[in-house]
C-alpha atoms as a PDB file:
ATOM      1  CA  MET A   1       0.003   0.012  -0.023  1.00  0.00           C
ATOM      2  CA  ILE A   2       1.397   3.399  -0.973  1.00  0.00           C
ATOM      3  CA  SER A   3       0.964   6.409   1.326  1.00  0.00           C
ATOM      4  CA  SER A   4      -0.218   9.681   0.067  1.00  0.00           C
ATOM      5  CA  ALA A   5       1.486  12.924   1.013  1.00  0.00           C
ATOM      6  CA  GLN A   6      -0.772  13.479   3.991  1.00  0.00           C
ATOM      7  CA  GLY A   7       0.073  10.215   5.527  1.00  0.00           C
ATOM      8  CA  VAL A   8      -3.274   8.619   4.620  1.00  0.00           C
ATOM      9  CA  PRO A   9      -2.890   5.263   3.028  1.00  0.00           C
ATOM     10  CA  ASP A  10      -3.723   5.129  -0.625  1.00  0.00           C
ATOM     11  CA  PRO A  11      -5.685   1.979  -1.299  1.00  0.00           C
ATOM     12  CA  SER A  12      -6.008   2.530  -5.010  1.00  0.00           C
ATOM     13  CA  SER A  13      -2.934   0.530  -5.956  1.00  0.00           C
ATOM     14  CA  ASP A  14      -3.965  -2.585  -3.859  1.00  0.00           C
ATOM     15  CA  ASP A  15      -7.508  -2.210  -5.145  1.00  0.00           C
ATOM     16  CA  LEU A  16      -6.205  -2.031  -8.759  1.00  0.00           C
ATOM     17  CA  VAL A  17      -4.184  -5.276  -8.246  1.00  0.00           C
ATOM     18  CA  LEU A  18      -7.179  -7.098  -6.723  1.00  0.00           C
ATOM     19  CA  PHE A  19      -9.392  -5.789  -9.461  1.00  0.00           C
ATOM     20  CA  ASN A  20      -7.060  -6.991 -12.202  1.00  0.00           C
ATOM     21  CA  LEU A  21      -6.658 -10.361 -10.484  1.00  0.00           C
ATOM     22  CA  SER A  22     -10.465 -10.637 -10.267  1.00  0.00           C
ATOM     23  CA  SER A  23     -10.916  -9.675 -13.853  1.00  0.00           C
ATOM     24  CA  GLN A  24      -8.356 -12.182 -15.148  1.00  0.00           C
ATOM     25  CA  THR A  25     -10.040 -14.922 -13.103  1.00  0.00           C
ATOM     26  CA  ARG A  26     -13.487 -14.158 -14.470  1.00  0.00           C
ATOM     27  CA  ARG A  27     -12.093 -13.958 -18.106  1.00  0.00           C
ATOM     28  CA  SER A  28     -10.346 -17.410 -17.679  1.00  0.00           C
ATOM     29  CA  GLN A  29     -13.470 -18.923 -16.082  1.00  0.00           C
ATOM     30  CA  THR A  30     -15.604 -17.587 -18.889  1.00  0.00           C
ATOM     31  CA  ALA A  31     -13.201 -18.844 -21.490  1.00  0.00           C
ATOM     32  CA  ARG A  32     -13.200 -22.296 -19.892  1.00  0.00           C
ATOM     33  CA  ARG A  33     -16.916 -22.352 -19.735  1.00  0.00           C
ATOM     34  CA  GLN A  34     -17.128 -21.463 -23.452  1.00  0.00           C
ATOM     35  CA  LEU A  35     -14.641 -24.123 -24.438  1.00  0.00           C
ATOM     36  CA  ALA A  36     -16.515 -26.736 -22.380  1.00  0.00           C
ATOM     37  CA  THR A  37     -19.798 -25.697 -24.130  1.00  0.00           C
ATOM     38  CA  GLN A  38     -18.256 -25.915 -27.527  1.00  0.00           C
ATOM     39  CA  SER A  39     -16.733 -29.239 -26.762  1.00  0.00           C
ATOM     40  CA  ALA A  40     -20.036 -30.586 -25.567  1.00  0.00           C
ATOM     41  CA  ARG A  41     -21.815 -29.365 -28.724  1.00  0.00           C
ATOM     42  CA  ARG A  42     -19.163 -30.995 -30.964  1.00  0.00           C
ATOM     43  CA  GLN A  43     -19.476 -34.315 -29.009  1.00  0.00           C
ATOM     44  CA  LEU A  44     -23.263 -34.143 -29.283  1.00  0.00           C
ATOM     45  CA  ALA A  45     -23.186 -33.491 -32.998  1.00  0.00           C
ATOM     46  CA  THR A  46     -20.699 -36.324 -33.567  1.00  0.00           C
ATOM     47  CA  ARG A  47     -22.751 -38.665 -31.453  1.00  0.00           C
ATOM     48  CA  SER A  48     -25.969 -37.711 -33.231  1.00  0.00           C
ATOM     49  CA  ALA A  49     -24.412 -38.236 -36.695  1.00  0.00           C
ATOM     50  CA  ARG A  50     -22.936 -41.516 -35.669  1.00  0.00           C
ATOM     51  CA  TRP A  51     -26.400 -42.797 -34.329  1.00  0.00           C
ATOM     52  CA  THR A  52     -28.309 -41.386 -37.344  1.00  0.00           C
ATOM     53  CA  ALA A  53     -26.056 -43.356 -39.600  1.00  0.00           C
ATOM     54  CA  ARG A  54     -26.824 -46.597 -37.650  1.00  0.00           C
ATOM     55  CA  VAL A  55     -30.640 -46.179 -37.503  1.00  0.00           C
ATOM     56  CA  PRO A  56     -32.406 -47.413 -40.595  1.00  0.00           C
ATOM     57  CA  ASP A  57     -35.152 -45.480 -42.456  1.00  0.00           C
ATOM     58  CA  LEU A  58     -38.396 -47.142 -41.264  1.00  0.00           C
ATOM     59  CA  SER A  59     -40.495 -45.485 -43.938  1.00  0.00           C
ATOM     60  CA  ASN A  60     -40.911 -48.823 -45.870  1.00  0.00           C
ATOM     61  CA  GLN A  61     -41.986 -52.342 -44.816  1.00  0.00           C
ATOM     62  CA  THR A  62     -38.733 -53.970 -45.806  1.00  0.00           C
ATOM     63  CA  ALA A  63     -36.718 -51.822 -43.510  1.00  0.00           C
ATOM     64  CA  ARG A  64     -39.175 -52.507 -40.682  1.00  0.00           C
ATOM     65  CA  ASP A  65     -38.862 -56.223 -41.315  1.00  0.00           C
ATOM     66  CA  ASN A  66     -35.104 -55.966 -41.058  1.00  0.00           C
ATOM     67  CA  ILE A  67     -35.295 -54.669 -37.513  1.00  0.00           C
ATOM     68  CA  SER A  68     -35.336 -58.157 -36.138  1.00  0.00           C
ATOM     69  CA  SER A  69     -32.311 -58.683 -33.839  1.00  0.00           C
ATOM     70  CA  ARG A  70     -32.366 -57.467 -30.277  1.00  0.00           C
ATOM     71  CA  SER A  71     -29.292 -55.369 -30.888  1.00  0.00           C
ATOM     72  CA  ASP A  72     -31.009 -53.477 -33.609  1.00  0.00           C
ATOM     73  CA  GLN A  73     -34.160 -53.036 -31.642  1.00  0.00           C
ATOM     74  CA  PHE A  74     -32.082 -51.795 -28.653  1.00  0.00           C
ATOM     75  CA  GLN A  75     -30.105 -49.334 -30.789  1.00  0.00           C
ATOM     76  CA  LEU A  76     -33.312 -48.090 -32.259  1.00  0.00           C
ATOM     77  CA  ALA A  77     -34.900 -47.558 -28.872  1.00  0.00           C
ATOM     78  CA  VAL A  78     -31.861 -45.682 -27.614  1.00  0.00           C
ATOM     79  CA  HIS A  79     -31.819 -43.520 -30.641  1.00  0.00           C
ATOM     80  CA  LEU A  80     -35.535 -42.617 -30.271  1.00  0.00           C
ATOM     81  CA  PHE A  81     -35.725 -42.222 -26.484  1.00  0.00           C
ATOM     82  CA  GLY A  82     -32.176 -41.346 -25.571  1.00  0.00           C
ATOM     83  CA  GLY A  83     -29.899 -43.187 -23.135  1.00  0.00           C
ATOM     84  CA  PRO A  84     -27.781 -42.444 -20.103  1.00  0.00           C
ATOM     85  CA  PHE A  85     -24.559 -43.662 -21.675  1.00  0.00           C
ATOM     86  CA  ASN A  86     -22.258 -42.658 -24.471  1.00  0.00           C
ATOM     87  CA  PRO A  87     -22.632 -45.002 -27.436  1.00  0.00           C
ATOM     88  CA  THR A  88     -19.505 -46.326 -29.241  1.00  0.00           C
END
């Protein structure tokens, strides 16, 4: 803390240091939050594209007939209703 000419402490320098530190912390937290959001969106887009590629078009009877295995039925159910896990 720097003293002024009248002997009264000048808090401005300490306040400025704390303000700068606080601003840097807020900026870095905001940047991390933005990166995490972008990463989550990329993962979701990739996962959605991957699942969409696996799910057959059920607009015709032949495709519906081909959904016979338990695995196919499970994948379709997860695609339609969501799941608590990350598909591979």
